[in-house]
Amino acid sequence: MSDGYPTAAQKQALRLICDHEPMPADRLAEELVATRAPSGNPGYAPAIARTAATLAWRLHAQGFIAETGEGAWRTTMSGRELIACPGGGS
């Protein structure tokens, strides 16, 4: 986290959640891996997938996403405004 301001990675995760909400936590990890350039390093995809939980936690702490109660994430109005995402959310 960058002093309360979302990083590029957080905004990317927020955009993915907004585009596919409600988004289950495990799907966020899959989407993050799919949007990254492939790497020959076998640990690359698992490392990117592990960051999903951290990104979601930070977005939640900043009030940009909310839990649905079903193990998924949904953008809040603040989150949608941050990335100019139309509709949806809670």
C-alpha atoms as a PDB file:
ATOM      1  CA  MET A   1       0.000   0.000   0.000  1.00  0.00           C
ATOM      2  CA  SER A   2       1.244   3.425  -0.779  1.00  0.00           C
ATOM      3  CA  ASP A   3       0.136   5.771   2.033  1.00  0.00           C
ATOM      4  CA  GLY A   4      -3.536   5.024   1.404  1.00  0.00           C
ATOM      5  CA  TYR A   5      -3.302   5.477  -2.353  1.00  0.00           C
ATOM      6  CA  PRO A   6      -3.828   2.391  -4.503  1.00  0.00           C
ATOM      7  CA  THR A   7      -0.846   1.080  -6.424  1.00  0.00           C
ATOM      8  CA  ALA A   8      -1.004   0.092 -10.100  1.00  0.00           C
ATOM      9  CA  ALA A   9      -1.360  -3.550  -9.054  1.00  0.00           C
ATOM     10  CA  GLN A  10      -4.234  -2.689  -6.712  1.00  0.00           C
ATOM     11  CA  LYS A  11      -5.978  -0.739  -9.470  1.00  0.00           C
ATOM     12  CA  GLN A  12      -5.527  -3.694 -11.810  1.00  0.00           C
ATOM     13  CA  ALA A  13      -7.122  -6.022  -9.249  1.00  0.00           C
ATOM     14  CA  LEU A  14      -9.913  -3.502  -8.678  1.00  0.00           C
ATOM     15  CA  ARG A  15     -10.581  -3.320 -12.420  1.00  0.00           C
ATOM     16  CA  LEU A  16     -10.731  -7.124 -12.636  1.00  0.00           C
ATOM     17  CA  ILE A  17     -13.189  -7.273  -9.735  1.00  0.00           C
ATOM     18  CA  CYS A  18     -15.320  -4.518 -11.254  1.00  0.00           C
ATOM     19  CA  ASP A  19     -15.393  -6.222 -14.659  1.00  0.00           C
ATOM     20  CA  HIS A  20     -16.352  -9.642 -13.248  1.00  0.00           C
ATOM     21  CA  GLU A  21     -18.167  -8.974  -9.978  1.00  0.00           C
ATOM     22  CA  PRO A  22     -18.995 -10.597  -7.758  1.00  0.00           C
ATOM     23  CA  MET A  23     -15.573 -12.185  -8.106  1.00  0.00           C
ATOM     24  CA  PRO A  24     -14.585 -15.152  -5.960  1.00  0.00           C
ATOM     25  CA  ALA A  25     -11.187 -14.731  -4.341  1.00  0.00           C
ATOM     26  CA  ASP A  26      -9.679 -17.707  -6.191  1.00  0.00           C
ATOM     27  CA  ARG A  27     -10.863 -16.322  -9.523  1.00  0.00           C
ATOM     28  CA  LEU A  28      -9.093 -13.029  -8.790  1.00  0.00           C
ATOM     29  CA  ALA A  29      -5.836 -14.968  -8.556  1.00  0.00           C
ATOM     30  CA  GLU A  30      -6.552 -16.718 -11.876  1.00  0.00           C
ATOM     31  CA  GLU A  31      -7.408 -13.439 -13.603  1.00  0.00           C
ATOM     32  CA  LEU A  32      -4.258 -11.727 -12.310  1.00  0.00           C
ATOM     33  CA  VAL A  33      -2.117 -14.549 -13.681  1.00  0.00           C
ATOM     34  CA  ALA A  34      -3.960 -14.467 -17.020  1.00  0.00           C
ATOM     35  CA  THR A  35      -3.420 -10.726 -17.477  1.00  0.00           C
ATOM     36  CA  ARG A  36       0.335 -10.891 -16.899  1.00  0.00           C
ATOM     37  CA  ALA A  37       2.885 -11.621 -19.598  1.00  0.00           C
ATOM     38  CA  PRO A  38       4.040 -15.235 -19.482  1.00  0.00           C
ATOM     39  CA  SER A  39       7.387 -16.054 -17.918  1.00  0.00           C
ATOM     40  CA  GLY A  40       9.774 -18.976 -18.221  1.00  0.00           C
ATOM     41  CA  ASN A  41      10.210 -18.931 -14.446  1.00  0.00           C
ATOM     42  CA  PRO A  42       8.095 -21.775 -13.003  1.00  0.00           C
ATOM     43  CA  GLY A  43       7.498 -19.816  -9.791  1.00  0.00           C
ATOM     44  CA  TYR A  44       6.149 -16.732 -11.581  1.00  0.00           C
ATOM     45  CA  ALA A  45       2.462 -17.670 -11.903  1.00  0.00           C
ATOM     46  CA  PRO A  46       2.195 -19.012  -8.329  1.00  0.00           C
ATOM     47  CA  ALA A  47       3.839 -15.831  -6.999  1.00  0.00           C
ATOM     48  CA  ILE A  48       1.383 -13.614  -8.897  1.00  0.00           C
ATOM     49  CA  ALA A  49      -1.541 -15.742  -7.655  1.00  0.00           C
ATOM     50  CA  ARG A  50      -0.363 -15.370  -4.046  1.00  0.00           C
ATOM     51  CA  THR A  51      -0.492 -11.585  -4.340  1.00  0.00           C
ATOM     52  CA  ALA A  52      -4.248 -11.692  -5.012  1.00  0.00           C
ATOM     53  CA  ALA A  53      -5.116 -12.090  -1.337  1.00  0.00           C
ATOM     54  CA  THR A  54      -2.835  -9.226  -0.325  1.00  0.00           C
ATOM     55  CA  LEU A  55      -4.217  -6.944  -3.019  1.00  0.00           C
ATOM     56  CA  ALA A  56      -7.794  -7.768  -2.033  1.00  0.00           C
ATOM     57  CA  TRP A  57      -7.065  -7.225   1.665  1.00  0.00           C
ATOM     58  CA  ARG A  58      -5.575  -3.807   0.955  1.00  0.00           C
ATOM     59  CA  LEU A  59      -8.446  -2.790  -1.336  1.00  0.00           C
ATOM     60  CA  HIS A  60     -10.887  -3.891   1.356  1.00  0.00           C
ATOM     61  CA  ALA A  61      -9.014  -1.963   4.062  1.00  0.00           C
ATOM     62  CA  GLN A  62      -9.129   1.145   1.868  1.00  0.00           C
ATOM     63  CA  GLY A  63     -12.875   0.742   1.312  1.00  0.00           C
ATOM     64  CA  PHE A  64     -12.663   0.065  -2.426  1.00  0.00           C
ATOM     65  CA  ILE A  65     -14.137  -3.460  -2.294  1.00  0.00           C
ATOM     66  CA  ALA A  66     -16.482  -5.324   0.043  1.00  0.00           C
ATOM     67  CA  GLU A  67     -17.027  -8.997   0.797  1.00  0.00           C
ATOM     68  CA  THR A  68     -20.265 -10.480  -0.491  1.00  0.00           C
ATOM     69  CA  GLY A  69     -20.594 -13.011   2.326  1.00  0.00           C
ATOM     70  CA  GLU A  70     -20.191 -15.772  -0.247  1.00  0.00           C
ATOM     71  CA  GLY A  71     -16.408 -15.690  -0.475  1.00  0.00           C
ATOM     72  CA  ALA A  72     -16.409 -13.123  -3.260  1.00  0.00           C
ATOM     73  CA  TRP A  73     -15.563  -9.461  -3.730  1.00  0.00           C
ATOM     74  CA  ARG A  74     -17.639  -6.595  -5.082  1.00  0.00           C
ATOM     75  CA  THR A  75     -16.549  -3.017  -5.739  1.00  0.00           C
ATOM     76  CA  THR A  76     -17.862  -0.208  -3.582  1.00  0.00           C
ATOM     77  CA  MET A  77     -18.931   3.151  -4.928  1.00  0.00           C
ATOM     78  CA  SER A  78     -15.520   4.552  -3.927  1.00  0.00           C
ATOM     79  CA  GLY A  79     -13.780   1.772  -5.813  1.00  0.00           C
ATOM     80  CA  ARG A  80     -15.885   2.291  -8.923  1.00  0.00           C
ATOM     81  CA  GLU A  81     -15.244   6.029  -8.822  1.00  0.00           C
ATOM     82  CA  LEU A  82     -11.493   5.476  -8.491  1.00  0.00           C
ATOM     83  CA  ILE A  83     -11.275   3.529 -11.747  1.00  0.00           C
ATOM     84  CA  ALA A  84     -14.356   4.990 -13.498  1.00  0.00           C
ATOM     85  CA  CYS A  85     -16.157   1.646 -13.452  1.00  0.00           C
ATOM     86  CA  PRO A  86     -19.839   1.922 -14.329  1.00  0.00           C
ATOM     87  CA  GLY A  87     -22.671   0.370 -12.290  1.00  0.00           C
ATOM     88  CA  GLY A  88     -22.496  -2.756 -10.144  1.00  0.00           C
ATOM     89  CA  GLY A  89     -21.034  -2.875  -6.667  1.00  0.00           C
ATOM     90  CA  SER A  90     -22.610  -2.521  -3.274  1.00  0.00           C
END
